[in-house]
Amino acid sequence: MAGPVRGLCSPKNGIFPQFRLFNGAPTFVRYAAPAKADLWTVTQPPMNKPLLFAFSALLTFACNTAPTDALAQEKGNVSSYGAPITADGAISTADLVKKMTTTDSLATKVQCEIITSCTKKGCWMTVQLPDGEKMMVRFKDYAFFVPKEGLEGHHAVIQGYASKETTDVATLRHYAEDAGKSKEEIAKITEPETNLMFLADGVLITF
């Protein structure tokens, strides 16, 4: 803001001096009265408007950048497994179940919640479906694995093919053993099951 800055100065040989102040910006200097120690007034020039605008824009950018980084941390880190994929266009598990009522297989991308993963190699995982059901997710060509532990409750995006599959008792017991089930729990598996299965070529997991 422009405004006077007042101080004391004495003339030399009757000639009033001129000054360059405020970082080299030209200023006007005026003696208020020709006395022994004359009072002078320096008028500060108004701030350059383009410079003020640039400074304000920079400050606004800096203020808006920090919350973005904080938000990214709140969302957590996303790890990719298998083929590179994005979350764009992923459908819900409810939509998947609905679509699978009219077809036996479907190429799709699904967002889901992980129940558990293979504790021996990480070569499969199960995800939550509506109404308490679950879906087995295997990985195409056995080409990649996910972490063997710590995935419970984490969100994932899986891309690949969903299908209906009948799994025999021996395979069900094998999955149960890989999941760390007790011998008693494994022995209770006596019937094959027909469920949705997903063969994924790419997986994103949020930690």
Protein backbone atom coordinates (compact mmCIF):
# COMPACT_ATOMS: atom_id res chain seq x y z
CA MET A 1 0.00 0.00 0.00
CA ALA A 2 1.37 3.47 -0.90
CA GLY A 3 2.01 5.80 2.04
CA PRO A 4 4.44 8.35 3.42
CA VAL A 5 7.50 7.41 5.45
CA ARG A 6 8.66 10.30 7.58
CA GLY A 7 12.21 11.06 8.74
CA LEU A 8 14.82 13.79 9.38
CA CYS A 9 17.29 15.30 6.91
CA SER A 10 19.32 18.56 6.55
CA PRO A 11 19.90 20.35 3.21
CA LYS A 12 23.44 20.73 1.87
CA ASN A 13 24.36 24.02 0.15
CA GLY A 14 20.70 24.77 -0.22
CA ILE A 15 20.18 21.81 -2.55
CA PHE A 16 17.69 19.22 -1.49
CA PRO A 17 18.90 15.66 -2.20
CA GLN A 18 16.92 13.04 -4.15
CA PHE A 19 16.91 9.41 -3.16
CA ARG A 20 16.39 5.96 -4.72
CA LEU A 21 14.70 3.80 -2.19
CA PHE A 22 12.55 0.67 -1.93
CA ASN A 23 14.76 -1.78 -3.85
CA GLY A 24 15.74 0.70 -6.52
CA ALA A 25 12.24 1.95 -7.32
CA PRO A 26 12.27 5.74 -8.01
CA THR A 27 10.72 7.79 -5.19
CA PHE A 28 9.85 11.42 -4.60
CA VAL A 29 11.47 13.16 -1.57
CA ARG A 30 10.04 16.39 -0.19
CA TYR A 31 11.07 18.50 2.80
CA ALA A 32 8.06 19.37 4.90
CA ALA A 33 9.61 22.67 6.09
CA PRO A 34 13.02 24.37 5.61
CA ALA A 35 14.17 24.24 9.22
CA LYS A 36 17.41 23.28 11.01
CA ALA A 37 16.57 19.68 10.93
CA ASP A 38 13.95 19.59 8.27
CA LEU A 39 11.19 17.01 8.30
CA TRP A 40 10.92 15.17 4.99
CA THR A 41 8.37 12.82 3.57
CA VAL A 42 9.11 9.89 1.28
CA THR A 43 6.14 8.68 -0.71
CA GLN A 44 6.25 4.91 -1.30
CA PRO A 45 5.14 3.98 -4.83
CA PRO A 46 2.21 1.57 -5.16
CA MET A 47 3.12 -2.09 -5.57
CA ASN A 48 3.32 -3.27 -9.16
CA LYS A 49 -0.02 -4.96 -9.86
CA PRO A 50 1.30 -7.76 -12.14
CA LEU A 51 3.92 -8.58 -9.50
CA LEU A 52 1.25 -8.63 -6.78
CA PHE A 53 -0.91 -10.96 -8.90
CA ALA A 54 2.00 -13.32 -9.57
CA PHE A 55 2.86 -13.46 -5.87
CA SER A 56 -0.77 -14.15 -4.93
CA ALA A 57 -1.01 -16.92 -7.53
CA LEU A 58 2.19 -18.53 -6.25
CA LEU A 59 0.94 -18.39 -2.66
CA THR A 60 -2.39 -19.93 -3.68
CA PHE A 61 -0.61 -22.75 -5.52
CA ALA A 62 1.61 -23.49 -2.53
CA CYS A 63 -1.36 -23.57 -0.17
CA ASN A 64 -3.30 -25.92 -2.42
CA THR A 65 -0.40 -28.33 -2.99
CA ALA A 66 0.06 -29.47 0.60
CA PRO A 67 -3.51 -30.79 1.11
CA THR A 68 -3.16 -32.80 -2.13
CA ASP A 69 -0.12 -34.61 -0.78
CA ALA A 70 -1.89 -35.17 2.54
CA LEU A 71 -4.91 -36.58 0.74
CA ALA A 72 -2.71 -38.99 -1.19
CA GLN A 73 -1.26 -40.24 2.09
CA GLU A 74 -4.73 -40.68 3.57
CA LYS A 75 -5.79 -42.78 0.61
CA GLY A 76 -2.83 -45.07 1.14
CA ASN A 77 -0.34 -46.64 -1.24
CA VAL A 78 -1.50 -48.68 -4.22
CA SER A 79 0.59 -51.68 -5.30
CA SER A 80 0.28 -53.28 -8.74
CA TYR A 81 0.63 -56.98 -9.53
CA GLY A 82 0.67 -58.62 -12.94
CA ALA A 83 -0.24 -56.58 -16.01
CA PRO A 84 -0.37 -52.79 -15.46
CA ILE A 85 -3.99 -51.69 -14.99
CA THR A 86 -5.92 -48.69 -13.69
CA ALA A 87 -9.05 -48.49 -11.54
CA ASP A 88 -10.96 -46.64 -14.27
CA GLY A 89 -14.20 -48.33 -15.23
CA ALA A 90 -14.18 -50.93 -12.44
CA ILE A 91 -17.63 -52.21 -11.46
CA SER A 92 -18.85 -53.24 -8.00
CA THR A 93 -19.18 -56.85 -6.90
CA ALA A 94 -22.95 -56.36 -6.79
CA ASP A 95 -22.92 -55.37 -10.47
CA LEU A 96 -20.71 -58.36 -11.26
CA VAL A 97 -23.12 -60.80 -9.61
CA LYS A 98 -26.02 -59.24 -11.49
CA LYS A 99 -24.23 -59.47 -14.85
CA MET A 100 -23.26 -63.08 -14.24
CA THR A 101 -26.92 -64.14 -13.95
CA THR A 102 -27.21 -63.81 -17.74
CA THR A 103 -23.84 -65.20 -18.83
CA ASP A 104 -21.29 -67.87 -17.96
CA SER A 105 -18.20 -65.71 -18.45
CA LEU A 106 -17.41 -62.03 -18.58
CA ALA A 107 -14.34 -59.93 -19.34
CA THR A 108 -14.43 -57.15 -16.77
CA LYS A 109 -12.74 -55.11 -14.09
CA VAL A 110 -14.05 -55.29 -10.51
CA GLN A 111 -13.46 -53.37 -7.29
CA CYS A 112 -13.66 -55.61 -4.24
CA GLU A 113 -12.60 -56.29 -0.66
CA ILE A 114 -10.06 -59.02 0.05
CA ILE A 115 -10.91 -61.77 2.54
CA THR A 116 -7.61 -63.68 2.51
CA SER A 117 -4.79 -64.89 0.29
CA CYS A 118 -2.74 -68.06 -0.12
CA THR A 119 -0.43 -68.26 2.91
CA LYS A 120 2.11 -70.45 1.12
CA LYS A 121 2.82 -68.60 -2.13
CA GLY A 122 0.24 -65.84 -2.54
CA CYS A 123 -0.96 -67.59 -5.69
CA TRP A 124 -4.65 -66.85 -5.10
CA MET A 125 -6.95 -64.75 -2.96
CA THR A 126 -10.62 -64.68 -2.06
CA VAL A 127 -12.75 -61.55 -2.20
CA GLN A 128 -16.05 -60.58 -0.65
CA LEU A 129 -19.31 -60.79 -2.61
CA PRO A 130 -22.74 -59.51 -1.54
CA ASP A 131 -24.79 -61.56 0.95
CA GLY A 132 -21.71 -63.08 2.56
CA GLU A 133 -20.60 -65.04 -0.51
CA LYS A 134 -16.99 -65.09 -1.66
CA MET A 135 -15.17 -65.41 -4.97
CA MET A 136 -11.88 -67.16 -5.66
CA VAL A 137 -9.38 -65.06 -7.61
CA ARG A 138 -6.52 -66.84 -9.36
CA PHE A 139 -3.76 -65.29 -11.43
CA LYS A 140 -3.36 -65.89 -15.15
CA ASP A 141 -0.67 -68.42 -16.12
CA TYR A 142 0.56 -68.49 -12.53
CA ALA A 143 2.60 -65.50 -13.64
CA PHE A 144 2.45 -63.38 -10.49
CA PHE A 145 1.63 -63.59 -6.82
CA VAL A 146 0.25 -61.26 -4.15
CA PRO A 147 1.40 -60.95 -0.52
CA LYS A 148 0.84 -64.08 1.54
CA GLU A 149 -0.53 -62.22 4.55
CA GLY A 150 -1.89 -58.89 5.67
CA LEU A 151 -4.44 -58.45 2.87
CA GLU A 152 -7.58 -58.99 4.96
CA GLY A 153 -9.98 -56.07 4.59
CA HIS A 154 -7.90 -54.26 1.98
CA HIS A 155 -9.50 -52.99 -1.20
CA ALA A 156 -8.48 -54.29 -4.61
CA VAL A 157 -9.22 -53.81 -8.29
CA ILE A 158 -8.97 -56.95 -10.41
CA GLN A 159 -9.02 -57.16 -14.19
CA GLY A 160 -9.61 -60.33 -16.16
CA TYR A 161 -12.39 -62.89 -16.71
CA ALA A 162 -15.17 -63.91 -14.36
CA SER A 163 -16.80 -67.30 -14.79
CA LYS A 164 -18.93 -69.89 -13.02
CA GLU A 165 -16.92 -72.81 -11.79
CA THR A 166 -17.67 -76.04 -9.96
CA THR A 167 -14.80 -76.91 -7.63
CA ASP A 168 -14.37 -80.50 -6.49
CA VAL A 169 -13.82 -81.55 -2.88
CA ALA A 170 -10.09 -82.27 -3.29
CA THR A 171 -9.43 -78.79 -4.67
CA LEU A 172 -11.57 -77.14 -1.99
CA ARG A 173 -9.59 -78.93 0.70
CA HIS A 174 -6.34 -77.87 -0.96
CA TYR A 175 -7.45 -74.23 -0.88
CA ALA A 176 -8.46 -74.61 2.76
CA GLU A 177 -5.04 -76.03 3.62
CA ASP A 178 -3.30 -73.15 1.79
CA ALA A 179 -5.44 -70.73 3.78
CA GLY A 180 -4.19 -72.21 7.04
CA LYS A 181 -7.44 -73.93 8.05
CA SER A 182 -7.35 -76.56 10.77
CA LYS A 183 -7.63 -80.29 10.02
CA GLU A 184 -11.10 -80.29 11.54
CA GLU A 185 -12.27 -77.49 9.25
CA ILE A 186 -10.77 -79.20 6.20
CA ALA A 187 -12.48 -82.49 7.08
CA LYS A 188 -15.89 -80.76 7.02
CA ILE A 189 -15.53 -80.08 3.29
CA THR A 190 -17.46 -82.95 1.72
CA GLU A 191 -19.37 -81.45 -1.21
CA PRO A 192 -18.28 -79.70 -4.42
CA GLU A 193 -19.21 -76.04 -4.78
CA THR A 194 -20.33 -73.98 -7.73
CA ASN A 195 -19.24 -70.37 -7.35
CA LEU A 196 -18.01 -67.40 -9.25
CA MET A 197 -14.32 -67.56 -10.07
CA PHE A 198 -12.07 -64.82 -11.41
CA LEU A 199 -8.93 -65.27 -13.49
CA ALA A 200 -6.99 -62.02 -13.12
CA ASP A 201 -4.24 -60.73 -15.37
CA GLY A 202 -3.73 -57.58 -13.31
CA VAL A 203 -4.41 -56.56 -9.71
CA LEU A 204 -4.25 -53.29 -7.74
CA ILE A 205 -4.24 -53.45 -3.94
CA THR A 206 -4.57 -50.43 -1.65
CA PHE A 207 -2.57 -50.61 1.59
